[in-house]
């Protein structure tokens, strides 16, 4: 079974598609999505394709990614649909799509987003968030995009200075830029600054959704984030391995809630503004997160030292809880808290062949 064939996942997709958005903005329009095969990007495509099928939205998706074979496997259900086109492209290179004269919306989501990727491809991590962002912005300007959305990250906040419990959109903590691990948060900060430069110099309409640690049934097996490793171990019926004391306190968001947040920012956000996609019900300490998964699958939590590659990619932030009140004011409300979201994720993934072989 593929994820989009799962009943519970389809219910989640339908729930987002039924939200009270100004969907007419996407009607008979088009959207370019980089990082199309990623955890959040693939789910967003599922939502729009479902909306196309039930409401006549007629929104054409241009899905960008590097691996066509993997994309074809993931999007088999809509590969030949007239409203879907996959484009194999490295966004560190300038982009041109011959058939596109004007584009409706551009959503830049391509990025290395997990520790081993940061550690093994630090150059690619930085260039995707800066050069890739610039290429996508240039495409948006040249093709008269109605709006550009840069998917940023909770990592841009850096270390909590100990002066707040929650990070609002104006908070700025410390990042030691003279480290390999700084490549991800610093390049995300630079990407946001580049967006502001395009607003000022070209008049491009840009919004910045800031995703927090996202999870869900569209996660990739190659993902090395702690929550992904915990879930993988849980599905395999193995003990959950915690490679620290587990006192890190973070915000997490279930994938369809993250997609609902993205669409809220894209369709209702104010030009030039950043919005945290986060809710207090998704906040939890790492050790408690491991415990939730272990309890649900009937295993236990064990401690193990990380290897050098893993350690090099880990965030040093010990508390990163995001204030989502700005997005809540636009009408966003997530369906799942951390416990229910985790249980739903594990339940869905247990039914997918690639997770149980």
C-alpha atoms as a PDB file:
ATOM      1  CA  UNK A   1       0.000   0.000   0.000  1.00  0.00           C
ATOM      2  CA  UNK A   2       1.177   3.541  -0.828  1.00  0.00           C
ATOM      3  CA  UNK A   3       0.589   6.366   1.606  1.00  0.00           C
ATOM      4  CA  UNK A   4      -2.090   8.092  -0.510  1.00  0.00           C
ATOM      5  CA  UNK A   5      -4.064   4.822  -0.560  1.00  0.00           C
ATOM      6  CA  UNK A   6      -4.287   4.719   3.234  1.00  0.00           C
ATOM      7  CA  UNK A   7      -7.742   5.567   4.577  1.00  0.00           C
ATOM      8  CA  UNK A   8      -6.488   7.658   7.504  1.00  0.00           C
ATOM      9  CA  UNK A   9      -4.071   9.642   5.344  1.00  0.00           C
ATOM     10  CA  UNK A  10      -6.833  10.294   2.810  1.00  0.00           C
ATOM     11  CA  UNK A  11      -9.045  11.564   5.640  1.00  0.00           C
ATOM     12  CA  UNK A  12      -6.271  13.985   6.605  1.00  0.00           C
ATOM     13  CA  UNK A  13      -5.923  15.193   3.000  1.00  0.00           C
ATOM     14  CA  UNK A  14      -9.668  15.659   2.655  1.00  0.00           C
ATOM     15  CA  UNK A  15      -9.770  17.598   5.921  1.00  0.00           C
ATOM     16  CA  UNK A  16      -7.236  20.154   4.633  1.00  0.00           C
ATOM     17  CA  UNK A  17      -9.019  20.384   1.279  1.00  0.00           C
ATOM     18  CA  UNK A  18     -12.272  21.236   3.057  1.00  0.00           C
ATOM     19  CA  UNK A  19     -10.808  24.121   5.061  1.00  0.00           C
ATOM     20  CA  UNK A  20     -12.279  27.579   4.521  1.00  0.00           C
ATOM     21  CA  UNK A  21      -9.475  29.051   2.409  1.00  0.00           C
ATOM     22  CA  UNK A  22      -9.827  31.520  -0.456  1.00  0.00           C
ATOM     23  CA  UNK A  23      -9.314  28.595  -2.848  1.00  0.00           C
ATOM     24  CA  UNK A  24     -10.478  30.765  -5.740  1.00  0.00           C
ATOM     25  CA  UNK A  25      -6.987  32.287  -5.778  1.00  0.00           C
ATOM     26  CA  UNK A  26      -5.685  28.942  -7.036  1.00  0.00           C
ATOM     27  CA  UNK A  27      -8.552  28.242  -9.427  1.00  0.00           C
ATOM     28  CA  UNK A  28      -7.399  27.905 -13.045  1.00  0.00           C
ATOM     29  CA  UNK A  29      -3.955  28.976 -11.884  1.00  0.00           C
ATOM     30  CA  UNK A  30      -0.610  27.207 -11.438  1.00  0.00           C
ATOM     31  CA  UNK A  31       1.903  26.529  -8.669  1.00  0.00           C
ATOM     32  CA  UNK A  32       5.582  25.648  -8.844  1.00  0.00           C
ATOM     33  CA  UNK A  33       6.788  23.570  -5.869  1.00  0.00           C
ATOM     34  CA  UNK A  34      10.437  22.740  -5.255  1.00  0.00           C
ATOM     35  CA  UNK A  35      11.213  19.881  -2.885  1.00  0.00           C
ATOM     36  CA  UNK A  36       8.144  18.154  -4.293  1.00  0.00           C
ATOM     37  CA  UNK A  37       9.029  14.680  -3.023  1.00  0.00           C
ATOM     38  CA  UNK A  38       9.781  15.814   0.521  1.00  0.00           C
ATOM     39  CA  UNK A  39       7.719  15.237   3.638  1.00  0.00           C
ATOM     40  CA  UNK A  40       5.704  18.457   3.428  1.00  0.00           C
ATOM     41  CA  UNK A  41       5.940  19.140  -0.317  1.00  0.00           C
ATOM     42  CA  UNK A  42       4.512  15.759  -1.303  1.00  0.00           C
ATOM     43  CA  UNK A  43       1.621  16.173   1.123  1.00  0.00           C
ATOM     44  CA  UNK A  44       0.842  19.640  -0.261  1.00  0.00           C
ATOM     45  CA  UNK A  45       0.695  18.176  -3.759  1.00  0.00           C
ATOM     46  CA  UNK A  46      -1.690  15.456  -2.548  1.00  0.00           C
ATOM     47  CA  UNK A  47      -3.987  18.125  -1.111  1.00  0.00           C
ATOM     48  CA  UNK A  48      -4.054  20.233  -4.283  1.00  0.00           C
ATOM     49  CA  UNK A  49      -4.515  17.223  -6.564  1.00  0.00           C
ATOM     50  CA  UNK A  50      -7.380  16.025  -4.377  1.00  0.00           C
ATOM     51  CA  UNK A  51      -8.939  19.495  -4.466  1.00  0.00           C
ATOM     52  CA  UNK A  52      -8.601  19.473  -8.252  1.00  0.00           C
ATOM     53  CA  UNK A  53     -10.460  16.153  -8.438  1.00  0.00           C
ATOM     54  CA  UNK A  54     -13.440  17.096  -6.254  1.00  0.00           C
ATOM     55  CA  UNK A  55     -13.969  20.796  -6.839  1.00  0.00           C
ATOM     56  CA  UNK A  56     -12.786  21.678 -10.329  1.00  0.00           C
ATOM     57  CA  UNK A  57      -9.983  23.805  -8.889  1.00  0.00           C
ATOM     58  CA  UNK A  58      -7.949  23.161 -12.047  1.00  0.00           C
ATOM     59  CA  UNK A  59      -4.647  24.230 -10.496  1.00  0.00           C
ATOM     60  CA  UNK A  60      -1.642  23.038 -12.510  1.00  0.00           C
ATOM     61  CA  UNK A  61       1.258  21.746 -10.396  1.00  0.00           C
ATOM     62  CA  UNK A  62       4.849  21.962 -11.571  1.00  0.00           C
ATOM     63  CA  UNK A  63       6.709  19.664  -9.189  1.00  0.00           C
ATOM     64  CA  UNK A  64      10.477  20.104  -8.982  1.00  0.00           C
ATOM     65  CA  UNK A  65      12.821  17.411  -7.736  1.00  0.00           C
ATOM     66  CA  UNK A  66      16.105  15.704  -8.502  1.00  0.00           C
ATOM     67  CA  UNK A  67      15.052  12.053  -8.699  1.00  0.00           C
ATOM     68  CA  UNK A  68      12.443  11.320 -11.349  1.00  0.00           C
ATOM     69  CA  UNK A  69      12.230   7.591 -10.568  1.00  0.00           C
ATOM     70  CA  UNK A  70      11.416   8.233  -6.903  1.00  0.00           C
ATOM     71  CA  UNK A  71       8.951  10.945  -7.854  1.00  0.00           C
ATOM     72  CA  UNK A  72       7.168   8.660 -10.295  1.00  0.00           C
ATOM     73  CA  UNK A  73       6.821   6.019  -7.611  1.00  0.00           C
ATOM     74  CA  UNK A  74       5.490   8.583  -5.113  1.00  0.00           C
ATOM     75  CA  UNK A  75       3.086  10.326  -7.514  1.00  0.00           C
ATOM     76  CA  UNK A  76       2.036   7.330  -9.554  1.00  0.00           C
ATOM     77  CA  UNK A  77      -1.623   8.114  -8.974  1.00  0.00           C
ATOM     78  CA  UNK A  78      -1.398  11.488 -10.752  1.00  0.00           C
ATOM     79  CA  UNK A  79       1.698  11.112 -12.954  1.00  0.00           C
ATOM     80  CA  UNK A  80      -0.329  11.299 -16.177  1.00  0.00           C
ATOM     81  CA  UNK A  81      -2.846  13.834 -14.924  1.00  0.00           C
ATOM     82  CA  UNK A  82      -3.026  16.974 -17.054  1.00  0.00           C
ATOM     83  CA  UNK A  83      -2.700  19.111 -13.924  1.00  0.00           C
ATOM     84  CA  UNK A  84       0.553  17.503 -12.794  1.00  0.00           C
ATOM     85  CA  UNK A  85       3.995  17.775 -14.311  1.00  0.00           C
ATOM     86  CA  UNK A  86       7.234  16.641 -12.703  1.00  0.00           C
ATOM     87  CA  UNK A  87      10.424  18.473 -13.660  1.00  0.00           C
ATOM     88  CA  UNK A  88      13.791  16.914 -12.831  1.00  0.00           C
ATOM     89  CA  UNK A  89      16.009  19.837 -11.909  1.00  0.00           C
ATOM     90  CA  UNK A  90      18.844  20.883  -9.607  1.00  0.00           C
ATOM     91  CA  UNK A  91      17.691  24.241  -8.256  1.00  0.00           C
ATOM     92  CA  UNK A  92      21.273  25.373  -7.812  1.00  0.00           C
ATOM     93  CA  UNK A  93      21.077  25.886 -11.576  1.00  0.00           C
ATOM     94  CA  UNK A  94      18.898  28.534 -13.264  1.00  0.00           C
ATOM     95  CA  UNK A  95      15.400  27.278 -14.018  1.00  0.00           C
ATOM     96  CA  UNK A  96      13.417  27.609 -17.228  1.00  0.00           C
ATOM     97  CA  UNK A  97      10.238  25.765 -18.189  1.00  0.00           C
ATOM     98  CA  UNK A  98       9.531  26.169 -21.903  1.00  0.00           C
ATOM     99  CA  UNK A  99       5.746  25.946 -21.649  1.00  0.00           C
ATOM    100  CA  UNK A 100       5.456  28.453 -18.794  1.00  0.00           C
ATOM    101  CA  UNK A 101       5.064  32.113 -19.699  1.00  0.00           C
ATOM    102  CA  UNK A 102       3.425  33.162 -16.446  1.00  0.00           C
ATOM    103  CA  UNK A 103       3.170  31.308 -13.135  1.00  0.00           C
ATOM    104  CA  UNK A 104       0.552  31.716 -10.445  1.00  0.00           C
ATOM    105  CA  UNK A 105       2.473  30.851  -7.280  1.00  0.00           C
ATOM    106  CA  UNK A 106       5.974  29.676  -6.417  1.00  0.00           C
ATOM    107  CA  UNK A 107       6.682  27.721  -3.249  1.00  0.00           C
ATOM    108  CA  UNK A 108      10.344  27.007  -2.495  1.00  0.00           C
ATOM    109  CA  UNK A 109      10.591  23.987  -0.184  1.00  0.00           C
ATOM    110  CA  UNK A 110      13.729  22.197  -1.392  1.00  0.00           C
ATOM    111  CA  UNK A 111      16.348  21.920   1.344  1.00  0.00           C
ATOM    112  CA  UNK A 112      18.479  19.483   3.299  1.00  0.00           C
ATOM    113  CA  UNK A 113      16.443  19.095   6.473  1.00  0.00           C
ATOM    114  CA  UNK A 114      18.048  16.425   8.625  1.00  0.00           C
ATOM    115  CA  UNK A 115      21.313  15.973  10.568  1.00  0.00           C
ATOM    116  CA  UNK A 116      23.186  13.477   8.385  1.00  0.00           C
ATOM    117  CA  UNK A 117      22.482  15.625   5.315  1.00  0.00           C
ATOM    118  CA  UNK A 118      23.887  18.673   7.113  1.00  0.00           C
ATOM    119  CA  UNK A 119      27.007  16.720   8.066  1.00  0.00           C
ATOM    120  CA  UNK A 120      27.666  14.905   4.780  1.00  0.00           C
ATOM    121  CA  UNK A 121      26.585  17.637   2.355  1.00  0.00           C
ATOM    122  CA  UNK A 122      27.221  20.960   4.101  1.00  0.00           C
ATOM    123  CA  UNK A 123      27.935  22.746   0.794  1.00  0.00           C
ATOM    124  CA  UNK A 124      24.673  21.544  -0.748  1.00  0.00           C
ATOM    125  CA  UNK A 125      22.835  22.559   2.411  1.00  0.00           C
ATOM    126  CA  UNK A 126      24.034  26.148   2.092  1.00  0.00           C
ATOM    127  CA  UNK A 127      23.755  26.513  -1.686  1.00  0.00           C
ATOM    128  CA  UNK A 128      20.208  25.152  -1.864  1.00  0.00           C
ATOM    129  CA  UNK A 129      19.056  27.710   0.695  1.00  0.00           C
ATOM    130  CA  UNK A 130      20.835  30.644  -0.967  1.00  0.00           C
ATOM    131  CA  UNK A 131      21.625  29.987  -4.639  1.00  0.00           C
ATOM    132  CA  UNK A 132      18.569  27.780  -5.052  1.00  0.00           C
ATOM    133  CA  UNK A 133      16.366  30.384  -3.416  1.00  0.00           C
ATOM    134  CA  UNK A 134      17.758  33.077  -5.684  1.00  0.00           C
ATOM    135  CA  UNK A 135      17.067  30.947  -8.773  1.00  0.00           C
ATOM    136  CA  UNK A 136      13.484  30.370  -7.660  1.00  0.00           C
ATOM    137  CA  UNK A 137      13.013  34.073  -6.919  1.00  0.00           C
ATOM    138  CA  UNK A 138      14.382  34.985 -10.339  1.00  0.00           C
ATOM    139  CA  UNK A 139      11.972  32.542 -11.971  1.00  0.00           C
ATOM    140  CA  UNK A 140       9.080  34.045 -10.018  1.00  0.00           C
ATOM    141  CA  UNK A 141       9.955  37.581 -11.128  1.00  0.00           C
ATOM    142  CA  UNK A 142      10.550  36.620 -14.766  1.00  0.00           C
ATOM    143  CA  UNK A 143       7.238  34.750 -14.946  1.00  0.00           C
ATOM    144  CA  UNK A 144       5.167  37.345 -13.095  1.00  0.00           C
ATOM    145  CA  UNK A 145       4.240  35.215 -10.103  1.00  0.00           C
ATOM    146  CA  UNK A 146       1.319  36.400  -8.014  1.00  0.00           C
ATOM    147  CA  UNK A 147       3.125  35.340  -4.844  1.00  0.00           C
ATOM    148  CA  UNK A 148       6.315  33.591  -3.716  1.00  0.00           C
ATOM    149  CA  UNK A 149       6.545  31.587  -0.481  1.00  0.00           C
ATOM    150  CA  UNK A 150       9.903  30.687   1.055  1.00  0.00           C
ATOM    151  CA  UNK A 151       9.598  27.737   3.429  1.00  0.00           C
ATOM    152  CA  UNK A 152      11.877  28.769   6.264  1.00  0.00           C
ATOM    153  CA  UNK A 153      12.639  27.003   9.523  1.00  0.00           C
ATOM    154  CA  UNK A 154      12.510  27.208  13.305  1.00  0.00           C
ATOM    155  CA  UNK A 155      16.310  26.901  13.086  1.00  0.00           C
ATOM    156  CA  UNK A 156      16.663  30.565  12.106  1.00  0.00           C
ATOM    157  CA  UNK A 157      16.023  31.509  15.741  1.00  0.00           C
ATOM    158  CA  UNK A 158      19.279  29.968  16.951  1.00  0.00           C
ATOM    159  CA  UNK A 159      19.905  29.427  20.658  1.00  0.00           C
ATOM    160  CA  UNK A 160      17.339  30.516  23.218  1.00  0.00           C
ATOM    161  CA  UNK A 161      19.003  33.346  25.170  1.00  0.00           C
ATOM    162  CA  UNK A 162      17.013  32.366  28.254  1.00  0.00           C
ATOM    163  CA  UNK A 163      14.859  35.485  28.093  1.00  0.00           C
ATOM    164  CA  UNK A 164      11.675  33.993  26.579  1.00  0.00           C
ATOM    165  CA  UNK A 165       9.689  30.777  26.686  1.00  0.00           C
ATOM    166  CA  UNK A 166       8.423  31.051  23.104  1.00  0.00           C
ATOM    167  CA  UNK A 167      10.038  32.491  19.968  1.00  0.00           C
ATOM    168  CA  UNK A 168       7.839  35.002  18.175  1.00  0.00           C
ATOM    169  CA  UNK A 169       8.665  36.046  14.605  1.00  0.00           C
ATOM    170  CA  UNK A 170      10.952  38.897  15.745  1.00  0.00           C
ATOM    171  CA  UNK A 171      13.136  36.829  18.072  1.00  0.00           C
ATOM    172  CA  UNK A 172      16.787  36.309  17.169  1.00  0.00           C
ATOM    173  CA  UNK A 173      19.047  34.047  19.205  1.00  0.00           C
ATOM    174  CA  UNK A 174      22.726  33.184  18.982  1.00  0.00           C
ATOM    175  CA  UNK A 175      24.255  31.079  16.207  1.00  0.00           C
ATOM    176  CA  UNK A 176      27.990  30.335  16.147  1.00  0.00           C
ATOM    177  CA  UNK A 177      28.532  30.878  12.428  1.00  0.00           C
ATOM    178  CA  UNK A 178      32.065  29.456  12.549  1.00  0.00           C
ATOM    179  CA  UNK A 179      30.871  25.837  12.560  1.00  0.00           C
ATOM    180  CA  UNK A 180      29.842  23.364   9.895  1.00  0.00           C
ATOM    181  CA  UNK A 181      26.408  22.894  11.520  1.00  0.00           C
ATOM    182  CA  UNK A 182      25.679  26.630  11.183  1.00  0.00           C
ATOM    183  CA  UNK A 183      25.318  26.220   7.421  1.00  0.00           C
ATOM    184  CA  UNK A 184      21.644  25.313   7.686  1.00  0.00           C
ATOM    185  CA  UNK A 185      20.288  28.042  10.015  1.00  0.00           C
ATOM    186  CA  UNK A 186      22.562  30.759   8.613  1.00  0.00           C
ATOM    187  CA  UNK A 187      21.596  29.983   5.011  1.00  0.00           C
ATOM    188  CA  UNK A 188      17.917  29.972   5.967  1.00  0.00           C
ATOM    189  CA  UNK A 189      18.420  33.404   7.540  1.00  0.00           C
ATOM    190  CA  UNK A 190      20.151  34.540   4.357  1.00  0.00           C
ATOM    191  CA  UNK A 191      17.302  33.122   2.259  1.00  0.00           C
ATOM    192  CA  UNK A 192      14.819  35.208   4.232  1.00  0.00           C
ATOM    193  CA  UNK A 193      16.982  38.318   3.757  1.00  0.00           C
ATOM    194  CA  UNK A 194      17.141  37.590   0.031  1.00  0.00           C
ATOM    195  CA  UNK A 195      13.335  37.449  -0.069  1.00  0.00           C
ATOM    196  CA  UNK A 196      13.153  40.884   1.557  1.00  0.00           C
ATOM    197  CA  UNK A 197      15.636  42.201  -1.013  1.00  0.00           C
ATOM    198  CA  UNK A 198      13.428  40.969  -3.865  1.00  0.00           C
ATOM    199  CA  UNK A 199      10.378  42.589  -2.302  1.00  0.00           C
ATOM    200  CA  UNK A 200      12.164  45.935  -2.160  1.00  0.00           C
ATOM    201  CA  UNK A 201      13.998  45.798  -5.485  1.00  0.00           C
ATOM    202  CA  UNK A 202      11.533  43.972  -7.756  1.00  0.00           C
ATOM    203  CA  UNK A 203       8.166  44.374  -6.012  1.00  0.00           C
ATOM    204  CA  UNK A 204       7.699  40.595  -5.847  1.00  0.00           C
ATOM    205  CA  UNK A 205       5.017  39.563  -3.358  1.00  0.00           C
ATOM    206  CA  UNK A 206       6.752  37.247  -0.858  1.00  0.00           C
ATOM    207  CA  UNK A 207       5.595  35.537   2.337  1.00  0.00           C
ATOM    208  CA  UNK A 208       7.687  33.414   4.694  1.00  0.00           C
ATOM    209  CA  UNK A 209       6.113  30.429   6.470  1.00  0.00           C
ATOM    210  CA  UNK A 210       8.492  29.172   9.168  1.00  0.00           C
ATOM    211  CA  UNK A 211       8.061  25.449   9.630  1.00  0.00           C
ATOM    212  CA  UNK A 212       8.949  23.806  12.887  1.00  0.00           C
ATOM    213  CA  UNK A 213       9.983  20.168  13.250  1.00  0.00           C
ATOM    214  CA  UNK A 214       7.466  18.402  11.021  1.00  0.00           C
ATOM    215  CA  UNK A 215       6.604  14.706  11.020  1.00  0.00           C
ATOM    216  CA  UNK A 216       3.965  12.419   9.600  1.00  0.00           C
ATOM    217  CA  UNK A 217       3.290   9.498   7.263  1.00  0.00           C
ATOM    218  CA  UNK A 218       4.975  11.199   4.273  1.00  0.00           C
ATOM    219  CA  UNK A 219       8.362  11.174   6.043  1.00  0.00           C
ATOM    220  CA  UNK A 220      11.195   9.617   4.049  1.00  0.00           C
ATOM    221  CA  UNK A 221      13.025   6.524   5.241  1.00  0.00           C
ATOM    222  CA  UNK A 222      16.312   8.387   4.681  1.00  0.00           C
ATOM    223  CA  UNK A 223      15.360  11.077   7.228  1.00  0.00           C
ATOM    224  CA  UNK A 224      17.734  11.109  10.207  1.00  0.00           C
ATOM    225  CA  UNK A 225      15.942  13.584  12.478  1.00  0.00           C
ATOM    226  CA  UNK A 226      15.484  12.238  16.007  1.00  0.00           C
ATOM    227  CA  UNK A 227      11.705  11.954  15.700  1.00  0.00           C
ATOM    228  CA  UNK A 228      12.067  10.026  12.429  1.00  0.00           C
ATOM    229  CA  UNK A 229      14.549   7.606  13.977  1.00  0.00           C
ATOM    230  CA  UNK A 230      12.253   7.097  16.974  1.00  0.00           C
ATOM    231  CA  UNK A 231       9.290   6.327  14.719  1.00  0.00           C
ATOM    232  CA  UNK A 232      11.336   3.980  12.537  1.00  0.00           C
ATOM    233  CA  UNK A 233      12.469   2.019  15.588  1.00  0.00           C
ATOM    234  CA  UNK A 234       8.935   1.913  16.938  1.00  0.00           C
ATOM    235  CA  UNK A 235       7.471   0.534  13.720  1.00  0.00           C
ATOM    236  CA  UNK A 236      10.177  -2.145  13.668  1.00  0.00           C
ATOM    237  CA  UNK A 237       9.201  -3.131  17.206  1.00  0.00           C
ATOM    238  CA  UNK A 238      12.625  -2.163  18.515  1.00  0.00           C
ATOM    239  CA  UNK A 239      13.613  -0.108  21.550  1.00  0.00           C
ATOM    240  CA  UNK A 240      13.654   3.675  21.027  1.00  0.00           C
ATOM    241  CA  UNK A 241      17.254   4.895  21.077  1.00  0.00           C
ATOM    242  CA  UNK A 242      17.856   8.250  22.761  1.00  0.00           C
ATOM    243  CA  UNK A 243      21.312   9.695  22.069  1.00  0.00           C
ATOM    244  CA  UNK A 244      21.249  12.460  24.690  1.00  0.00           C
ATOM    245  CA  UNK A 245      19.649  13.198  28.049  1.00  0.00           C
ATOM    246  CA  UNK A 246      16.568  14.172  26.059  1.00  0.00           C
ATOM    247  CA  UNK A 247      15.898  17.492  27.782  1.00  0.00           C
ATOM    248  CA  UNK A 248      15.686  19.407  24.495  1.00  0.00           C
ATOM    249  CA  UNK A 249      12.274  21.121  24.360  1.00  0.00           C
ATOM    250  CA  UNK A 250      10.964  21.620  20.829  1.00  0.00           C
ATOM    251  CA  UNK A 251       7.831  22.369  18.816  1.00  0.00           C
ATOM    252  CA  UNK A 252       6.540  19.695  16.423  1.00  0.00           C
ATOM    253  CA  UNK A 253       3.816  19.773  13.756  1.00  0.00           C
ATOM    254  CA  UNK A 254       1.943  16.918  12.074  1.00  0.00           C
ATOM    255  CA  UNK A 255       2.392  17.090   8.308  1.00  0.00           C
ATOM    256  CA  UNK A 256      -1.169  17.907   7.237  1.00  0.00           C
ATOM    257  CA  UNK A 257      -1.336  20.603   9.921  1.00  0.00           C
ATOM    258  CA  UNK A 258       1.924  21.983   8.494  1.00  0.00           C
ATOM    259  CA  UNK A 259       0.399  21.969   4.992  1.00  0.00           C
ATOM    260  CA  UNK A 260      -2.702  23.756   6.299  1.00  0.00           C
ATOM    261  CA  UNK A 261      -0.343  26.335   7.815  1.00  0.00           C
ATOM    262  CA  UNK A 262       1.524  26.750   4.526  1.00  0.00           C
ATOM    263  CA  UNK A 263      -1.710  27.287   2.639  1.00  0.00           C
ATOM    264  CA  UNK A 264      -2.884  29.769   5.271  1.00  0.00           C
ATOM    265  CA  UNK A 265       0.279  31.830   4.803  1.00  0.00           C
ATOM    266  CA  UNK A 266       0.252  31.489   1.010  1.00  0.00           C
ATOM    267  CA  UNK A 267      -3.404  32.459   0.590  1.00  0.00           C
ATOM    268  CA  UNK A 268      -4.025  34.767   3.570  1.00  0.00           C
ATOM    269  CA  UNK A 269      -0.650  36.045   4.780  1.00  0.00           C
ATOM    270  CA  UNK A 270       0.548  39.628   4.465  1.00  0.00           C
ATOM    271  CA  UNK A 271       3.275  40.448   1.951  1.00  0.00           C
ATOM    272  CA  UNK A 272       6.735  40.537   3.506  1.00  0.00           C
ATOM    273  CA  UNK A 273       5.668  38.871   6.763  1.00  0.00           C
ATOM    274  CA  UNK A 274       6.970  35.704   8.407  1.00  0.00           C
ATOM    275  CA  UNK A 275       4.657  33.296  10.245  1.00  0.00           C
ATOM    276  CA  UNK A 276       5.495  30.492  12.677  1.00  0.00           C
ATOM    277  CA  UNK A 277       3.621  27.275  11.886  1.00  0.00           C
ATOM    278  CA  UNK A 278       3.490  26.005  15.451  1.00  0.00           C
ATOM    279  CA  UNK A 279       1.058  25.265  18.251  1.00  0.00           C
ATOM    280  CA  UNK A 280       1.671  24.740  21.964  1.00  0.00           C
ATOM    281  CA  UNK A 281      -0.027  21.335  21.830  1.00  0.00           C
ATOM    282  CA  UNK A 282       2.828  20.134  19.645  1.00  0.00           C
ATOM    283  CA  UNK A 283       5.572  21.044  22.158  1.00  0.00           C
ATOM    284  CA  UNK A 284       7.397  18.259  23.983  1.00  0.00           C
ATOM    285  CA  UNK A 285      10.797  17.305  25.446  1.00  0.00           C
ATOM    286  CA  UNK A 286      12.767  14.792  23.409  1.00  0.00           C
ATOM    287  CA  UNK A 287      12.796  12.177  26.198  1.00  0.00           C
ATOM    288  CA  UNK A 288       9.014  12.472  26.532  1.00  0.00           C
ATOM    289  CA  UNK A 289       8.606  12.168  22.764  1.00  0.00           C
ATOM    290  CA  UNK A 290      10.610   8.934  22.847  1.00  0.00           C
ATOM    291  CA  UNK A 291       8.397   7.780  25.692  1.00  0.00           C
ATOM    292  CA  UNK A 292       5.170   8.483  23.787  1.00  0.00           C
ATOM    293  CA  UNK A 293       6.329   6.330  20.880  1.00  0.00           C
ATOM    294  CA  UNK A 294       7.683   3.562  23.106  1.00  0.00           C
ATOM    295  CA  UNK A 295       4.425   3.413  25.084  1.00  0.00           C
ATOM    296  CA  UNK A 296       2.335   3.266  21.906  1.00  0.00           C
ATOM    297  CA  UNK A 297       4.302   0.428  20.302  1.00  0.00           C
ATOM    298  CA  UNK A 298       5.069  -1.466  23.505  1.00  0.00           C
ATOM    299  CA  UNK A 299       8.834  -1.040  23.574  1.00  0.00           C
ATOM    300  CA  UNK A 300      11.183   0.901  25.847  1.00  0.00           C
ATOM    301  CA  UNK A 301      13.628   3.818  25.664  1.00  0.00           C
ATOM    302  CA  UNK A 302      17.370   3.095  25.794  1.00  0.00           C
ATOM    303  CA  UNK A 303      20.344   5.461  25.749  1.00  0.00           C
ATOM    304  CA  UNK A 304      23.236   5.341  23.265  1.00  0.00           C
ATOM    305  CA  UNK A 305      26.067   7.707  22.344  1.00  0.00           C
ATOM    306  CA  UNK A 306      25.821   9.257  18.833  1.00  0.00           C
ATOM    307  CA  UNK A 307      28.573   8.600  16.295  1.00  0.00           C
ATOM    308  CA  UNK A 308      30.699  11.491  14.980  1.00  0.00           C
ATOM    309  CA  UNK A 309      28.640  12.068  11.816  1.00  0.00           C
ATOM    310  CA  UNK A 310      25.368  12.155  13.751  1.00  0.00           C
ATOM    311  CA  UNK A 311      26.796  14.434  16.432  1.00  0.00           C
ATOM    312  CA  UNK A 312      28.144  16.890  13.839  1.00  0.00           C
ATOM    313  CA  UNK A 313      24.652  17.354  12.405  1.00  0.00           C
ATOM    314  CA  UNK A 314      22.763  17.801  15.678  1.00  0.00           C
ATOM    315  CA  UNK A 315      21.276  21.125  16.668  1.00  0.00           C
ATOM    316  CA  UNK A 316      22.756  22.649  19.814  1.00  0.00           C
ATOM    317  CA  UNK A 317      19.489  24.406  20.689  1.00  0.00           C
ATOM    318  CA  UNK A 318      18.102  23.114  23.988  1.00  0.00           C
ATOM    319  CA  UNK A 319      14.790  24.972  23.933  1.00  0.00           C
ATOM    320  CA  UNK A 320      13.061  26.048  20.737  1.00  0.00           C
ATOM    321  CA  UNK A 321       9.345  26.512  21.297  1.00  0.00           C
ATOM    322  CA  UNK A 322       7.655  28.693  18.699  1.00  0.00           C
ATOM    323  CA  UNK A 323       4.848  31.198  19.273  1.00  0.00           C
ATOM    324  CA  UNK A 324       2.147  30.442  16.704  1.00  0.00           C
ATOM    325  CA  UNK A 325      -0.298  33.185  17.744  1.00  0.00           C
ATOM    326  CA  UNK A 326       0.314  35.280  14.607  1.00  0.00           C
ATOM    327  CA  UNK A 327      -0.760  32.402  12.347  1.00  0.00           C
ATOM    328  CA  UNK A 328      -3.662  31.509  14.640  1.00  0.00           C
ATOM    329  CA  UNK A 329      -5.005  35.019  14.028  1.00  0.00           C
ATOM    330  CA  UNK A 330      -5.261  34.147  10.317  1.00  0.00           C
ATOM    331  CA  UNK A 331      -7.512  31.222  11.249  1.00  0.00           C
ATOM    332  CA  UNK A 332      -5.056  28.306  11.404  1.00  0.00           C
ATOM    333  CA  UNK A 333      -5.816  25.625  13.967  1.00  0.00           C
ATOM    334  CA  UNK A 334      -4.065  22.219  13.897  1.00  0.00           C
ATOM    335  CA  UNK A 335      -6.002  18.989  14.230  1.00  0.00           C
ATOM    336  CA  UNK A 336      -3.376  17.030  16.121  1.00  0.00           C
ATOM    337  CA  UNK A 337      -1.401  17.460  19.292  1.00  0.00           C
ATOM    338  CA  UNK A 338       1.895  15.619  19.572  1.00  0.00           C
ATOM    339  CA  UNK A 339       0.503  12.408  21.102  1.00  0.00           C
ATOM    340  CA  UNK A 340      -2.385  11.962  18.665  1.00  0.00           C
ATOM    341  CA  UNK A 341      -0.182  12.988  15.735  1.00  0.00           C
ATOM    342  CA  UNK A 342       2.491  10.446  16.633  1.00  0.00           C
ATOM    343  CA  UNK A 343      -0.042   7.665  17.095  1.00  0.00           C
ATOM    344  CA  UNK A 344      -1.633   8.459  13.726  1.00  0.00           C
ATOM    345  CA  UNK A 345       1.760   8.525  12.012  1.00  0.00           C
ATOM    346  CA  UNK A 346       2.810   5.156  13.395  1.00  0.00           C
ATOM    347  CA  UNK A 347      -0.575   3.632  12.589  1.00  0.00           C
ATOM    348  CA  UNK A 348      -0.406   4.753   8.939  1.00  0.00           C
ATOM    349  CA  UNK A 349       3.254   3.844   8.396  1.00  0.00           C
ATOM    350  CA  UNK A 350       2.703   0.338   9.780  1.00  0.00           C
ATOM    351  CA  UNK A 351       0.455  -0.286   6.798  1.00  0.00           C
ATOM    352  CA  UNK A 352       3.011   0.810   4.185  1.00  0.00           C
ATOM    353  CA  UNK A 353       5.078  -1.926   2.562  1.00  0.00           C
ATOM    354  CA  UNK A 354       8.395  -0.055   2.507  1.00  0.00           C
ATOM    355  CA  UNK A 355       8.188   0.531   6.277  1.00  0.00           C
ATOM    356  CA  UNK A 356       7.451  -3.060   7.258  1.00  0.00           C
ATOM    357  CA  UNK A 357       9.619  -5.131   4.861  1.00  0.00           C
END
